[in-house]
Amino acid sequence: MVTLGLLHTSSAHVPVFDGLRDAHHPELALRHHVAASLLERAGRQGPEAVAPAVRDALVRAVGEGAEAVLCTCSTIGAVAEALGARVGVPVLRVDRPMAAAAVAAGSRVVVLATVESTLEPTVELVEEEARAAGREVAVRTVMVDGAWARFRAGDAQGYAEAVAAAISEVRDADAVVLAQASMAGASELVADGSAPVFASPRVGLAAAAAVAADRGGEAAAVAGVSGVVR
């Protein structure tokens, strides 16, 4: 069985990704690593300040046999992704496939977030994917005020409803990007007629599962060749 490590900054993501795995990737073993303090520290000091702690978490994931690691926090995603070469396995950020899909949908992209530290990294990612695709995009940002307090209080329904209300107010957009994985549930509450909404968990996990499977296949092939040689 192929193993994928996941680096979270909230334990609330664990059942979400377990559910997606059960529904779409039953052959995948997930190893969750939750480091809740990283998001708060990154918000206060900047994402680069937590790079050593992120690297330690990635090394632990690799030590548990992960063929790849998926970082589910958009605030520290770029830092985690850049560390992949230093920990020996691919490290993916959950929001990259979402950003690519949003860019493909059109040139007017609205990024919604409930944590301010997530806005800049997500905007940079969307613009990076636009350059890679040879497209021009205009990115606007919206903070969903008060929603994060609901999330931290454990009010998942209230949190999703607040995000959904913000989505419904977006006008003149080809794509609405939900900057945090925690916001994905809101897409199910949005009425028809709104701009297309892009969330990261499902597509991010699918991309990471494919990379992990490729790595696992390569390792099995090497082991098989080694066995023949011996």
C-alpha atoms as a PDB file:
ATOM      1  CA  MET A   1       0.000   0.000   0.000  1.00  0.00           C
ATOM      2  CA  VAL A   2       1.284   3.477  -0.919  1.00  0.00           C
ATOM      3  CA  THR A   3       1.739   5.911   1.966  1.00  0.00           C
ATOM      4  CA  LEU A   4       1.075   9.653   1.803  1.00  0.00           C
ATOM      5  CA  GLY A   5       2.011  11.947   4.664  1.00  0.00           C
ATOM      6  CA  LEU A   6      -0.153  14.985   5.380  1.00  0.00           C
ATOM      7  CA  LEU A   7       0.965  18.086   7.254  1.00  0.00           C
ATOM      8  CA  HIS A   8      -1.957  19.962   8.824  1.00  0.00           C
ATOM      9  CA  THR A   9      -2.254  23.024  11.026  1.00  0.00           C
ATOM     10  CA  SER A  10      -5.653  21.913  12.343  1.00  0.00           C
ATOM     11  CA  SER A  11      -6.879  18.509  13.462  1.00  0.00           C
ATOM     12  CA  ALA A  12     -10.210  19.332  11.782  1.00  0.00           C
ATOM     13  CA  HIS A  13      -8.630  18.379   8.456  1.00  0.00           C
ATOM     14  CA  VAL A  14      -7.961  14.785   9.479  1.00  0.00           C
ATOM     15  CA  PRO A  15     -11.524  13.435   9.036  1.00  0.00           C
ATOM     16  CA  VAL A  16     -11.991  15.474   5.846  1.00  0.00           C
ATOM     17  CA  PHE A  17      -9.007  13.894   4.123  1.00  0.00           C
ATOM     18  CA  ASP A  18      -9.752  10.464   5.564  1.00  0.00           C
ATOM     19  CA  GLY A  19     -13.219  10.721   4.026  1.00  0.00           C
ATOM     20  CA  LEU A  20     -11.829  11.743   0.641  1.00  0.00           C
ATOM     21  CA  ARG A  21      -9.350   8.882   0.777  1.00  0.00           C
ATOM     22  CA  ASP A  22     -12.094   6.375   1.601  1.00  0.00           C
ATOM     23  CA  ALA A  23     -14.256   7.655  -1.253  1.00  0.00           C
ATOM     24  CA  HIS A  24     -11.657   8.071  -3.987  1.00  0.00           C
ATOM     25  CA  HIS A  25      -8.307   6.499  -3.013  1.00  0.00           C
ATOM     26  CA  PRO A  26      -8.922   3.360  -0.915  1.00  0.00           C
ATOM     27  CA  GLU A  27      -5.488   2.013  -1.885  1.00  0.00           C
ATOM     28  CA  LEU A  28      -3.787   4.970  -0.154  1.00  0.00           C
ATOM     29  CA  ALA A  29      -2.511   4.934   3.439  1.00  0.00           C
ATOM     30  CA  LEU A  30      -2.553   8.356   5.094  1.00  0.00           C
ATOM     31  CA  ARG A  31      -0.244   9.435   7.910  1.00  0.00           C
ATOM     32  CA  HIS A  32      -1.429  12.670   9.506  1.00  0.00           C
ATOM     33  CA  HIS A  33       0.895  15.154  11.208  1.00  0.00           C
ATOM     34  CA  VAL A  34      -0.864  18.031  12.995  1.00  0.00           C
ATOM     35  CA  ALA A  35       1.174  21.097  14.011  1.00  0.00           C
ATOM     36  CA  ALA A  36      -1.408  23.666  15.041  1.00  0.00           C
ATOM     37  CA  SER A  37       1.148  26.192  16.301  1.00  0.00           C
ATOM     38  CA  LEU A  38       2.656  26.680  12.836  1.00  0.00           C
ATOM     39  CA  LEU A  39      -0.260  28.726  11.500  1.00  0.00           C
ATOM     40  CA  GLU A  40      -0.280  31.129  14.441  1.00  0.00           C
ATOM     41  CA  ARG A  41       3.490  31.581  14.316  1.00  0.00           C
ATOM     42  CA  ALA A  42       3.458  32.085  10.555  1.00  0.00           C
ATOM     43  CA  GLY A  43       0.759  34.704  10.959  1.00  0.00           C
ATOM     44  CA  ARG A  44       2.821  36.607  13.518  1.00  0.00           C
ATOM     45  CA  GLN A  45       6.334  36.150  12.152  1.00  0.00           C
ATOM     46  CA  GLY A  46       5.855  35.254   8.485  1.00  0.00           C
ATOM     47  CA  PRO A  47       5.878  31.814   6.816  1.00  0.00           C
ATOM     48  CA  GLU A  48       9.666  31.680   6.453  1.00  0.00           C
ATOM     49  CA  ALA A  49      10.058  31.896  10.227  1.00  0.00           C
ATOM     50  CA  VAL A  50       8.517  28.446  10.651  1.00  0.00           C
ATOM     51  CA  ALA A  51      10.635  26.758   7.963  1.00  0.00           C
ATOM     52  CA  PRO A  52      12.775  24.784  10.477  1.00  0.00           C
ATOM     53  CA  ALA A  53       9.674  23.444  12.235  1.00  0.00           C
ATOM     54  CA  VAL A  54       8.064  22.582   8.896  1.00  0.00           C
ATOM     55  CA  ARG A  55      11.201  20.718   7.854  1.00  0.00           C
ATOM     56  CA  ASP A  56      11.174  18.740  11.111  1.00  0.00           C
ATOM     57  CA  ALA A  57       7.551  17.732  10.494  1.00  0.00           C
ATOM     58  CA  LEU A  58       8.355  16.667   6.939  1.00  0.00           C
ATOM     59  CA  VAL A  59      11.339  14.609   8.096  1.00  0.00           C
ATOM     60  CA  ARG A  60       9.079  12.804  10.585  1.00  0.00           C
ATOM     61  CA  ALA A  61       6.624  12.027   7.802  1.00  0.00           C
ATOM     62  CA  VAL A  62       9.386  10.631   5.609  1.00  0.00           C
ATOM     63  CA  GLY A  63      10.645   8.572   8.542  1.00  0.00           C
ATOM     64  CA  GLU A  64       7.212   6.943   8.746  1.00  0.00           C
ATOM     65  CA  GLY A  65       7.501   5.769   5.146  1.00  0.00           C
ATOM     66  CA  ALA A  66       5.719   8.517   3.203  1.00  0.00           C
ATOM     67  CA  GLU A  67       6.372   8.376  -0.544  1.00  0.00           C
ATOM     68  CA  ALA A  68       5.179  12.009  -0.712  1.00  0.00           C
ATOM     69  CA  VAL A  69       3.825  14.651   1.663  1.00  0.00           C
ATOM     70  CA  LEU A  70       0.835  16.943   1.160  1.00  0.00           C
ATOM     71  CA  CYS A  71       0.761  20.240   3.056  1.00  0.00           C
ATOM     72  CA  THR A  72      -2.861  21.227   3.644  1.00  0.00           C
ATOM     73  CA  CYS A  73      -2.136  24.715   5.037  1.00  0.00           C
ATOM     74  CA  SER A  74      -2.041  27.432   2.388  1.00  0.00           C
ATOM     75  CA  THR A  75      -0.153  29.850   4.620  1.00  0.00           C
ATOM     76  CA  ILE A  76       2.903  27.587   4.873  1.00  0.00           C
ATOM     77  CA  GLY A  77       2.373  25.673   1.636  1.00  0.00           C
ATOM     78  CA  ALA A  78       5.095  27.441  -0.347  1.00  0.00           C
ATOM     79  CA  VAL A  79       7.607  26.882   2.449  1.00  0.00           C
ATOM     80  CA  ALA A  80       6.751  23.179   2.644  1.00  0.00           C
ATOM     81  CA  GLU A  81       6.853  22.737  -1.125  1.00  0.00           C
ATOM     82  CA  ALA A  82      10.306  24.327  -1.349  1.00  0.00           C
ATOM     83  CA  LEU A  83      11.661  21.936   1.289  1.00  0.00           C
ATOM     84  CA  GLY A  84      10.886  18.834  -0.750  1.00  0.00           C
ATOM     85  CA  ALA A  85      14.369  18.673  -2.251  1.00  0.00           C
ATOM     86  CA  ARG A  86      15.874  18.692   1.246  1.00  0.00           C
ATOM     87  CA  VAL A  87      13.761  15.896   2.720  1.00  0.00           C
ATOM     88  CA  GLY A  88      14.055  13.441  -0.149  1.00  0.00           C
ATOM     89  CA  VAL A  89      10.414  13.091  -1.261  1.00  0.00           C
ATOM     90  CA  PRO A  90       8.019  15.293  -3.251  1.00  0.00           C
ATOM     91  CA  VAL A  91       6.186  17.806  -1.047  1.00  0.00           C
ATOM     92  CA  LEU A  92       2.998  19.193  -2.558  1.00  0.00           C
ATOM     93  CA  ARG A  93       0.790  22.067  -1.514  1.00  0.00           C
ATOM     94  CA  VAL A  94      -2.881  21.227  -1.478  1.00  0.00           C
ATOM     95  CA  ASP A  95      -3.958  24.432  -3.215  1.00  0.00           C
ATOM     96  CA  ARG A  96      -1.813  24.265  -6.377  1.00  0.00           C
ATOM     97  CA  PRO A  97      -4.223  22.095  -8.462  1.00  0.00           C
ATOM     98  CA  MET A  98      -7.096  24.328  -7.337  1.00  0.00           C
ATOM     99  CA  ALA A  99      -5.233  27.461  -8.445  1.00  0.00           C
ATOM    100  CA  ALA A 100      -4.475  25.938 -11.838  1.00  0.00           C
ATOM    101  CA  ALA A 101      -8.137  25.040 -12.340  1.00  0.00           C
ATOM    102  CA  ALA A 102      -9.271  28.531 -11.327  1.00  0.00           C
ATOM    103  CA  VAL A 103      -6.885  30.160 -13.799  1.00  0.00           C
ATOM    104  CA  ALA A 104      -8.238  27.921 -16.555  1.00  0.00           C
ATOM    105  CA  ALA A 105     -11.780  29.088 -15.745  1.00  0.00           C
ATOM    106  CA  GLY A 106     -11.168  32.729 -16.607  1.00  0.00           C
ATOM    107  CA  SER A 107      -9.240  35.917 -16.035  1.00  0.00           C
ATOM    108  CA  ARG A 108     -11.242  37.377 -13.129  1.00  0.00           C
ATOM    109  CA  VAL A 109     -10.353  35.494  -9.958  1.00  0.00           C
ATOM    110  CA  VAL A 110     -11.590  36.299  -6.462  1.00  0.00           C
ATOM    111  CA  VAL A 111      -9.690  34.804  -3.527  1.00  0.00           C
ATOM    112  CA  LEU A 112     -11.672  34.355  -0.305  1.00  0.00           C
ATOM    113  CA  ALA A 113      -9.932  33.697   3.007  1.00  0.00           C
ATOM    114  CA  THR A 114     -10.813  33.588   6.678  1.00  0.00           C
ATOM    115  CA  VAL A 115      -7.221  34.010   7.901  1.00  0.00           C
ATOM    116  CA  GLU A 116      -5.377  37.068   6.623  1.00  0.00           C
ATOM    117  CA  SER A 117      -1.987  35.350   6.427  1.00  0.00           C
ATOM    118  CA  THR A 118      -3.403  33.063   3.736  1.00  0.00           C
ATOM    119  CA  LEU A 119      -4.314  35.816   1.286  1.00  0.00           C
ATOM    120  CA  GLU A 120      -0.863  36.791   0.002  1.00  0.00           C
ATOM    121  CA  PRO A 121       0.420  33.224  -0.528  1.00  0.00           C
ATOM    122  CA  THR A 122      -2.771  32.275  -2.376  1.00  0.00           C
ATOM    123  CA  VAL A 123      -2.701  35.328  -4.625  1.00  0.00           C
ATOM    124  CA  GLU A 124       0.954  34.626  -5.427  1.00  0.00           C
ATOM    125  CA  LEU A 125       0.091  31.019  -6.261  1.00  0.00           C
ATOM    126  CA  VAL A 126      -2.763  31.996  -8.594  1.00  0.00           C
ATOM    127  CA  GLU A 127      -0.508  34.487 -10.371  1.00  0.00           C
ATOM    128  CA  GLU A 128       2.256  31.879 -10.626  1.00  0.00           C
ATOM    129  CA  GLU A 129      -0.124  29.362 -12.200  1.00  0.00           C
ATOM    130  CA  ALA A 130      -1.365  32.059 -14.597  1.00  0.00           C
ATOM    131  CA  ARG A 131       2.189  32.781 -15.760  1.00  0.00           C
ATOM    132  CA  ALA A 132       2.842  29.063 -16.217  1.00  0.00           C
ATOM    133  CA  ALA A 133      -0.301  28.798 -18.348  1.00  0.00           C
ATOM    134  CA  GLY A 134       0.471  31.942 -20.331  1.00  0.00           C
ATOM    135  CA  ARG A 135      -2.695  33.623 -19.134  1.00  0.00           C
ATOM    136  CA  GLU A 136      -3.397  37.065 -17.677  1.00  0.00           C
ATOM    137  CA  VAL A 137      -5.500  37.251 -14.539  1.00  0.00           C
ATOM    138  CA  ALA A 138      -6.854  39.985 -12.334  1.00  0.00           C
ATOM    139  CA  VAL A 139      -7.030  38.805  -8.720  1.00  0.00           C
ATOM    140  CA  ARG A 140      -9.199  40.386  -6.039  1.00  0.00           C
ATOM    141  CA  THR A 141      -9.245  39.364  -2.386  1.00  0.00           C
ATOM    142  CA  VAL A 142     -12.015  39.144   0.178  1.00  0.00           C
ATOM    143  CA  MET A 143     -11.611  38.510   3.911  1.00  0.00           C
ATOM    144  CA  VAL A 144     -14.578  36.740   5.509  1.00  0.00           C
ATOM    145  CA  ASP A 145     -14.616  38.662   8.775  1.00  0.00           C
ATOM    146  CA  GLY A 146     -15.559  36.775  11.915  1.00  0.00           C
ATOM    147  CA  ALA A 147     -15.624  33.359  10.276  1.00  0.00           C
ATOM    148  CA  TRP A 148     -12.335  32.120  11.722  1.00  0.00           C
ATOM    149  CA  ALA A 149     -13.555  32.681  15.271  1.00  0.00           C
ATOM    150  CA  ARG A 150     -16.415  30.298  14.527  1.00  0.00           C
ATOM    151  CA  PHE A 151     -14.013  27.698  13.167  1.00  0.00           C
ATOM    152  CA  ARG A 152     -11.799  27.912  16.247  1.00  0.00           C
ATOM    153  CA  ALA A 153     -14.869  27.574  18.456  1.00  0.00           C
ATOM    154  CA  GLY A 154     -15.796  24.334  16.701  1.00  0.00           C
ATOM    155  CA  ASP A 155     -18.824  25.794  14.909  1.00  0.00           C
ATOM    156  CA  ALA A 156     -18.233  24.097  11.565  1.00  0.00           C
ATOM    157  CA  GLN A 157     -21.729  24.811  10.275  1.00  0.00           C
ATOM    158  CA  GLY A 158     -21.609  28.486  11.198  1.00  0.00           C
ATOM    159  CA  TYR A 159     -18.180  28.744   9.615  1.00  0.00           C
ATOM    160  CA  ALA A 160     -19.365  27.209   6.346  1.00  0.00           C
ATOM    161  CA  GLU A 161     -22.443  29.413   6.307  1.00  0.00           C
ATOM    162  CA  ALA A 162     -20.351  32.571   6.776  1.00  0.00           C
ATOM    163  CA  VAL A 163     -18.084  31.594   3.898  1.00  0.00           C
ATOM    164  CA  ALA A 164     -21.057  30.674   1.698  1.00  0.00           C
ATOM    165  CA  ALA A 165     -22.629  34.072   2.392  1.00  0.00           C
ATOM    166  CA  ALA A 166     -19.420  35.776   1.280  1.00  0.00           C
ATOM    167  CA  ILE A 167     -19.322  33.672  -1.891  1.00  0.00           C
ATOM    168  CA  SER A 168     -22.883  34.675  -2.748  1.00  0.00           C
ATOM    169  CA  GLU A 169     -21.894  38.354  -2.622  1.00  0.00           C
ATOM    170  CA  VAL A 170     -19.118  38.021  -5.203  1.00  0.00           C
ATOM    171  CA  ARG A 171     -19.873  39.709  -8.507  1.00  0.00           C
ATOM    172  CA  ASP A 172     -18.018  39.905 -11.829  1.00  0.00           C
ATOM    173  CA  ALA A 173     -15.829  36.862 -11.282  1.00  0.00           C
ATOM    174  CA  ASP A 174     -14.960  33.861 -13.416  1.00  0.00           C
ATOM    175  CA  ALA A 175     -13.683  31.886 -10.438  1.00  0.00           C
ATOM    176  CA  VAL A 176     -13.938  32.056  -6.663  1.00  0.00           C
ATOM    177  CA  VAL A 177     -10.978  30.477  -4.908  1.00  0.00           C
ATOM    178  CA  LEU A 178     -11.377  29.265  -1.326  1.00  0.00           C
ATOM    179  CA  ALA A 179      -7.909  29.925   0.040  1.00  0.00           C
ATOM    180  CA  GLN A 180      -8.054  27.441   2.927  1.00  0.00           C
ATOM    181  CA  ALA A 181      -8.878  23.757   2.891  1.00  0.00           C
ATOM    182  CA  SER A 182     -11.173  24.347   5.872  1.00  0.00           C
ATOM    183  CA  MET A 183     -13.490  26.429   3.662  1.00  0.00           C
ATOM    184  CA  ALA A 184     -14.376  23.630   1.233  1.00  0.00           C
ATOM    185  CA  GLY A 185     -17.681  22.737   2.881  1.00  0.00           C
ATOM    186  CA  ALA A 186     -19.092  26.151   2.018  1.00  0.00           C
ATOM    187  CA  SER A 187     -19.214  25.277  -1.675  1.00  0.00           C
ATOM    188  CA  GLU A 188     -22.071  22.883  -0.968  1.00  0.00           C
ATOM    189  CA  LEU A 189     -24.172  25.692   0.505  1.00  0.00           C
ATOM    190  CA  VAL A 190     -23.921  28.120  -2.394  1.00  0.00           C
ATOM    191  CA  ALA A 191     -27.013  28.618  -4.530  1.00  0.00           C
ATOM    192  CA  ASP A 192     -26.940  28.073  -8.284  1.00  0.00           C
ATOM    193  CA  GLY A 193     -25.972  31.129 -10.289  1.00  0.00           C
ATOM    194  CA  SER A 194     -22.858  32.096  -8.373  1.00  0.00           C
ATOM    195  CA  ALA A 195     -19.428  32.127  -9.954  1.00  0.00           C
ATOM    196  CA  PRO A 196     -17.682  28.722 -10.082  1.00  0.00           C
ATOM    197  CA  VAL A 197     -16.178  27.895  -6.694  1.00  0.00           C
ATOM    198  CA  PHE A 198     -12.819  26.138  -6.414  1.00  0.00           C
ATOM    199  CA  ALA A 199     -11.782  24.325  -3.225  1.00  0.00           C
ATOM    200  CA  SER A 200      -8.534  22.486  -2.586  1.00  0.00           C
ATOM    201  CA  PRO A 201      -9.010  19.214  -0.629  1.00  0.00           C
ATOM    202  CA  ARG A 202     -10.337  16.812  -3.277  1.00  0.00           C
ATOM    203  CA  VAL A 203      -8.131  17.892  -6.188  1.00  0.00           C
ATOM    204  CA  GLY A 204      -5.120  18.408  -3.935  1.00  0.00           C
ATOM    205  CA  LEU A 205      -5.378  14.919  -2.500  1.00  0.00           C
ATOM    206  CA  ALA A 206      -5.837  13.428  -5.962  1.00  0.00           C
ATOM    207  CA  ALA A 207      -2.643  15.086  -7.211  1.00  0.00           C
ATOM    208  CA  ALA A 208      -0.677  13.956  -4.166  1.00  0.00           C
ATOM    209  CA  ALA A 209      -2.032  10.417  -4.415  1.00  0.00           C
ATOM    210  CA  ALA A 210      -0.842  10.208  -8.025  1.00  0.00           C
ATOM    211  CA  VAL A 211       2.654  11.411  -7.102  1.00  0.00           C
ATOM    212  CA  ALA A 212       2.855   9.015  -4.149  1.00  0.00           C
ATOM    213  CA  ALA A 213       1.725   6.112  -6.348  1.00  0.00           C
ATOM    214  CA  ASP A 214       4.389   6.925  -8.933  1.00  0.00           C
ATOM    215  CA  ARG A 215       7.046   7.036  -6.222  1.00  0.00           C
ATOM    216  CA  GLY A 216       5.813   3.791  -4.721  1.00  0.00           C
ATOM    217  CA  GLY A 217       5.911   2.116  -8.124  1.00  0.00           C
ATOM    218  CA  GLU A 218       9.462   3.297  -8.716  1.00  0.00           C
ATOM    219  CA  ALA A 219      10.562   1.961  -5.328  1.00  0.00           C
ATOM    220  CA  ALA A 220       8.930  -1.418  -6.010  1.00  0.00           C
ATOM    221  CA  ALA A 221      10.630  -1.626  -9.398  1.00  0.00           C
ATOM    222  CA  VAL A 222      14.035  -0.868  -7.863  1.00  0.00           C
ATOM    223  CA  ALA A 223      13.467  -3.465  -5.164  1.00  0.00           C
ATOM    224  CA  GLY A 224      12.502  -6.021  -7.811  1.00  0.00           C
ATOM    225  CA  VAL A 225      15.605  -5.329  -9.885  1.00  0.00           C
ATOM    226  CA  SER A 226      17.771  -5.533  -6.772  1.00  0.00           C
ATOM    227  CA  GLY A 227      16.244  -8.894  -5.965  1.00  0.00           C
ATOM    228  CA  VAL A 228      17.058 -10.241  -9.427  1.00  0.00           C
ATOM    229  CA  VAL A 229      20.644  -9.003  -9.195  1.00  0.00           C
ATOM    230  CA  ARG A 230      21.179 -10.707  -5.886  1.00  0.00           C
END
